Amino acid sequence: MWVSRWLERHVLRLDALAPNMRIASPSSCRHSSWPVRAGGPERRGLDLTTLNVLTGAIGIGLGFGLQSIAANFVSDSCC
């Protein structure tokens, strides 16, 4: 996290970059470093199986919920 904060402080000061690039650079760095940070609890001995099951259940629930929304959108737009 300290790398992304450092990058954010220094990139926001650059006047040569467009405003959207100043915001996107630290954000993309933060999101791309997520897999490295996610391995930390497992190395400390915490079992992530329950977290995997929970996120899988949430993903399935969201999938079923979005399925009906997508079906309504498709059926309304075709006629």
N, C-alpha and C. Protein backbone atom coordinates (compact mmCIF):
# COMPACT_ATOMS: atom_id res chain seq x y z
N MET A 1 0.82 -1.20 0.00
CA MET A 1 0.00 0.00 0.00
C MET A 1 0.86 1.26 0.00
N TRP A 2 2.02 1.21 0.65
CA TRP A 2 2.82 2.42 0.71
C TRP A 2 3.36 2.81 -0.66
N VAL A 3 3.55 1.83 -1.53
CA VAL A 3 4.02 2.13 -2.89
C VAL A 3 2.93 2.88 -3.66
N SER A 4 1.69 2.43 -3.54
CA SER A 4 0.61 3.11 -4.26
C SER A 4 0.37 4.51 -3.70
N ARG A 5 0.52 4.69 -2.38
CA ARG A 5 0.38 6.04 -1.81
C ARG A 5 1.51 6.95 -2.27
N TRP A 6 2.73 6.41 -2.31
CA TRP A 6 3.86 7.21 -2.79
C TRP A 6 3.65 7.61 -4.25
N LEU A 7 3.23 6.64 -5.06
CA LEU A 7 2.98 6.91 -6.47
C LEU A 7 1.88 7.94 -6.64
N GLU A 8 0.83 7.83 -5.85
CA GLU A 8 -0.27 8.77 -5.95
C GLU A 8 0.18 10.19 -5.61
N ARG A 9 0.98 10.34 -4.55
CA ARG A 9 1.46 11.68 -4.18
C ARG A 9 2.31 12.29 -5.28
N HIS A 10 3.17 11.49 -5.89
CA HIS A 10 4.07 12.04 -6.90
C HIS A 10 3.40 12.23 -8.25
N VAL A 11 2.49 11.36 -8.61
CA VAL A 11 1.82 11.48 -9.90
C VAL A 11 0.83 12.64 -9.89
N LEU A 12 0.17 12.88 -8.76
CA LEU A 12 -0.80 13.97 -8.70
C LEU A 12 -0.13 15.33 -8.84
N ARG A 13 1.17 15.41 -8.58
CA ARG A 13 1.89 16.68 -8.72
C ARG A 13 2.31 16.98 -10.16
N LEU A 14 2.29 15.99 -11.03
CA LEU A 14 2.77 16.18 -12.40
C LEU A 14 1.74 16.97 -13.21
N ASP A 15 2.14 18.11 -13.67
CA ASP A 15 1.24 18.94 -14.48
C ASP A 15 1.22 18.51 -15.94
N ALA A 16 2.22 17.76 -16.38
CA ALA A 16 2.29 17.35 -17.78
C ALA A 16 1.26 16.27 -18.11
N LEU A 17 0.80 15.54 -17.10
CA LEU A 17 -0.20 14.48 -17.34
C LEU A 17 -1.61 15.04 -17.33
N ALA A 18 -2.46 14.42 -18.11
CA ALA A 18 -3.88 14.78 -18.10
C ALA A 18 -4.48 14.40 -16.74
N PRO A 19 -5.50 15.11 -16.29
CA PRO A 19 -6.09 14.81 -14.98
C PRO A 19 -6.57 13.37 -14.84
N ASN A 20 -7.16 12.81 -15.90
CA ASN A 20 -7.64 11.43 -15.78
C ASN A 20 -6.50 10.44 -15.66
N MET A 21 -5.35 10.72 -16.27
CA MET A 21 -4.19 9.84 -16.13
C MET A 21 -3.57 9.95 -14.74
N ARG A 22 -3.65 11.13 -14.15
CA ARG A 22 -3.14 11.30 -12.78
C ARG A 22 -3.94 10.47 -11.79
N ILE A 23 -5.20 10.30 -12.05
CA ILE A 23 -6.05 9.51 -11.15
C ILE A 23 -5.94 8.02 -11.48
N ALA A 24 -5.84 7.68 -12.75
CA ALA A 24 -5.84 6.28 -13.17
C ALA A 24 -4.55 5.56 -12.81
N SER A 25 -3.42 6.23 -12.84
CA SER A 25 -2.14 5.56 -12.59
C SER A 25 -2.03 4.96 -11.19
N PRO A 26 -2.27 5.71 -10.12
CA PRO A 26 -2.19 5.09 -8.79
C PRO A 26 -3.28 4.04 -8.58
N SER A 27 -4.44 4.27 -9.16
CA SER A 27 -5.53 3.31 -9.00
C SER A 27 -5.17 1.99 -9.68
N SER A 28 -4.61 2.04 -10.86
CA SER A 28 -4.24 0.80 -11.55
C SER A 28 -3.09 0.10 -10.82
N CYS A 29 -2.18 0.85 -10.23
CA CYS A 29 -1.11 0.25 -9.46
C CYS A 29 -1.67 -0.45 -8.23
N ARG A 30 -2.63 0.17 -7.59
CA ARG A 30 -3.25 -0.42 -6.41
C ARG A 30 -3.98 -1.71 -6.76
N HIS A 31 -4.69 -1.70 -7.89
CA HIS A 31 -5.45 -2.88 -8.28
C HIS A 31 -4.55 -3.99 -8.83
N SER A 32 -3.47 -3.64 -9.46
CA SER A 32 -2.59 -4.68 -9.99
C SER A 32 -1.75 -5.33 -8.90
N SER A 33 -1.57 -4.66 -7.78
CA SER A 33 -0.80 -5.27 -6.68
C SER A 33 -1.67 -6.11 -5.77
N TRP A 34 -2.96 -6.19 -6.02
CA TRP A 34 -3.87 -6.94 -5.16
C TRP A 34 -3.52 -8.43 -5.08
N PRO A 35 -3.18 -9.12 -6.16
CA PRO A 35 -2.85 -10.55 -6.02
C PRO A 35 -1.65 -10.81 -5.10
N VAL A 36 -0.70 -9.90 -5.10
CA VAL A 36 0.47 -10.06 -4.23
C VAL A 36 0.05 -9.91 -2.77
N ARG A 37 -0.80 -8.92 -2.48
CA ARG A 37 -1.24 -8.70 -1.11
C ARG A 37 -2.19 -9.79 -0.65
N ALA A 38 -2.93 -10.41 -1.56
CA ALA A 38 -3.90 -11.43 -1.18
C ALA A 38 -3.21 -12.70 -0.68
N GLY A 39 -1.99 -12.93 -1.07
CA GLY A 39 -1.27 -14.11 -0.62
C GLY A 39 -0.77 -14.00 0.81
N GLY A 40 -0.82 -12.83 1.39
CA GLY A 40 -0.32 -12.61 2.73
C GLY A 40 -0.99 -13.42 3.82
N PRO A 41 -2.32 -13.45 3.92
CA PRO A 41 -2.96 -14.22 5.00
C PRO A 41 -2.64 -15.71 4.93
N GLU A 42 -2.50 -16.25 3.73
CA GLU A 42 -2.21 -17.67 3.61
C GLU A 42 -0.81 -17.98 4.12
N ARG A 43 0.12 -17.11 3.89
CA ARG A 43 1.48 -17.31 4.39
C ARG A 43 1.54 -17.17 5.91
N ARG A 44 0.59 -16.46 6.48
CA ARG A 44 0.56 -16.31 7.93
C ARG A 44 -0.18 -17.44 8.63
N GLY A 45 -0.70 -18.39 7.87
CA GLY A 45 -1.35 -19.55 8.46
C GLY A 45 -2.86 -19.47 8.52
N LEU A 46 -3.48 -18.45 7.93
CA LEU A 46 -4.94 -18.35 7.93
C LEU A 46 -5.52 -19.16 6.78
N ASP A 47 -6.56 -19.91 7.06
CA ASP A 47 -7.20 -20.74 6.04
C ASP A 47 -8.19 -19.88 5.25
N LEU A 48 -8.01 -19.84 3.95
CA LEU A 48 -8.87 -19.01 3.10
C LEU A 48 -9.99 -19.80 2.44
N THR A 49 -10.19 -21.06 2.84
CA THR A 49 -11.23 -21.88 2.23
C THR A 49 -12.61 -21.30 2.47
N THR A 50 -12.87 -20.84 3.69
CA THR A 50 -14.18 -20.28 3.99
C THR A 50 -14.42 -19.00 3.21
N LEU A 51 -13.37 -18.22 3.03
CA LEU A 51 -13.51 -17.00 2.24
C LEU A 51 -13.81 -17.33 0.78
N ASN A 52 -13.19 -18.38 0.25
CA ASN A 52 -13.46 -18.80 -1.12
C ASN A 52 -14.91 -19.26 -1.28
N VAL A 53 -15.41 -20.01 -0.31
CA VAL A 53 -16.79 -20.48 -0.38
C VAL A 53 -17.75 -19.30 -0.31
N LEU A 54 -17.47 -18.37 0.59
CA LEU A 54 -18.34 -17.20 0.74
C LEU A 54 -18.37 -16.35 -0.53
N THR A 55 -17.21 -16.08 -1.11
CA THR A 55 -17.19 -15.27 -2.33
C THR A 55 -17.82 -16.02 -3.50
N GLY A 56 -17.69 -17.34 -3.53
CA GLY A 56 -18.36 -18.12 -4.57
C GLY A 56 -19.87 -18.03 -4.45
N ALA A 57 -20.38 -18.12 -3.23
CA ALA A 57 -21.83 -18.01 -3.01
C ALA A 57 -22.33 -16.62 -3.38
N ILE A 58 -21.58 -15.61 -3.04
CA ILE A 58 -21.98 -14.24 -3.41
C ILE A 58 -21.97 -14.08 -4.92
N GLY A 59 -20.98 -14.64 -5.59
CA GLY A 59 -20.91 -14.56 -7.04
C GLY A 59 -22.07 -15.26 -7.73
N ILE A 60 -22.46 -16.41 -7.21
CA ILE A 60 -23.60 -17.13 -7.78
C ILE A 60 -24.88 -16.33 -7.56
N GLY A 61 -25.05 -15.78 -6.37
CA GLY A 61 -26.23 -14.96 -6.10
C GLY A 61 -26.31 -13.75 -7.00
N LEU A 62 -25.19 -13.08 -7.19
CA LEU A 62 -25.17 -11.93 -8.10
C LEU A 62 -25.45 -12.35 -9.53
N GLY A 63 -24.94 -13.50 -9.92
CA GLY A 63 -25.17 -14.00 -11.28
C GLY A 63 -26.64 -14.25 -11.54
N PHE A 64 -27.32 -14.90 -10.59
CA PHE A 64 -28.75 -15.14 -10.77
C PHE A 64 -29.54 -13.84 -10.75
N GLY A 65 -29.15 -12.91 -9.90
CA GLY A 65 -29.85 -11.62 -9.86
C GLY A 65 -29.67 -10.84 -11.15
N LEU A 66 -28.46 -10.81 -11.67
CA LEU A 66 -28.20 -10.07 -12.91
C LEU A 66 -28.77 -10.78 -14.13
N GLN A 67 -29.00 -12.07 -14.02
CA GLN A 67 -29.58 -12.81 -15.14
C GLN A 67 -30.97 -12.30 -15.47
N SER A 68 -31.79 -12.07 -14.46
CA SER A 68 -33.14 -11.57 -14.71
C SER A 68 -33.12 -10.13 -15.24
N ILE A 69 -32.19 -9.33 -14.75
CA ILE A 69 -32.07 -7.96 -15.24
C ILE A 69 -31.66 -7.97 -16.70
N ALA A 70 -30.70 -8.80 -17.07
CA ALA A 70 -30.25 -8.89 -18.46
C ALA A 70 -31.36 -9.42 -19.35
N ALA A 71 -32.15 -10.39 -18.86
CA ALA A 71 -33.25 -10.93 -19.66
C ALA A 71 -34.30 -9.86 -19.91
N ASN A 72 -34.60 -9.06 -18.90
CA ASN A 72 -35.57 -7.97 -19.09
C ASN A 72 -35.04 -6.92 -20.06
N PHE A 73 -33.77 -6.62 -19.99
CA PHE A 73 -33.18 -5.64 -20.88
C PHE A 73 -33.22 -6.13 -22.32
N VAL A 74 -32.90 -7.38 -22.56
CA VAL A 74 -32.90 -7.93 -23.91
C VAL A 74 -34.31 -8.02 -24.46
N SER A 75 -35.27 -8.45 -23.64
CA SER A 75 -36.62 -8.60 -24.15
C SER A 75 -37.27 -7.25 -24.43
N ASP A 76 -36.89 -6.21 -23.70
CA ASP A 76 -37.45 -4.88 -23.94
C ASP A 76 -36.84 -4.19 -25.14
N SER A 77 -35.59 -4.50 -25.43
CA SER A 77 -34.92 -3.78 -26.50
C SER A 77 -35.13 -4.39 -27.88
N CYS A 78 -35.62 -5.63 -27.96
CA CYS A 78 -35.74 -6.25 -29.27
C CYS A 78 -37.02 -5.86 -30.01
N CYS A 79 -38.04 -5.42 -29.33
CA CYS A 79 -39.31 -5.09 -30.00
C CYS A 79 -39.63 -3.63 -29.98
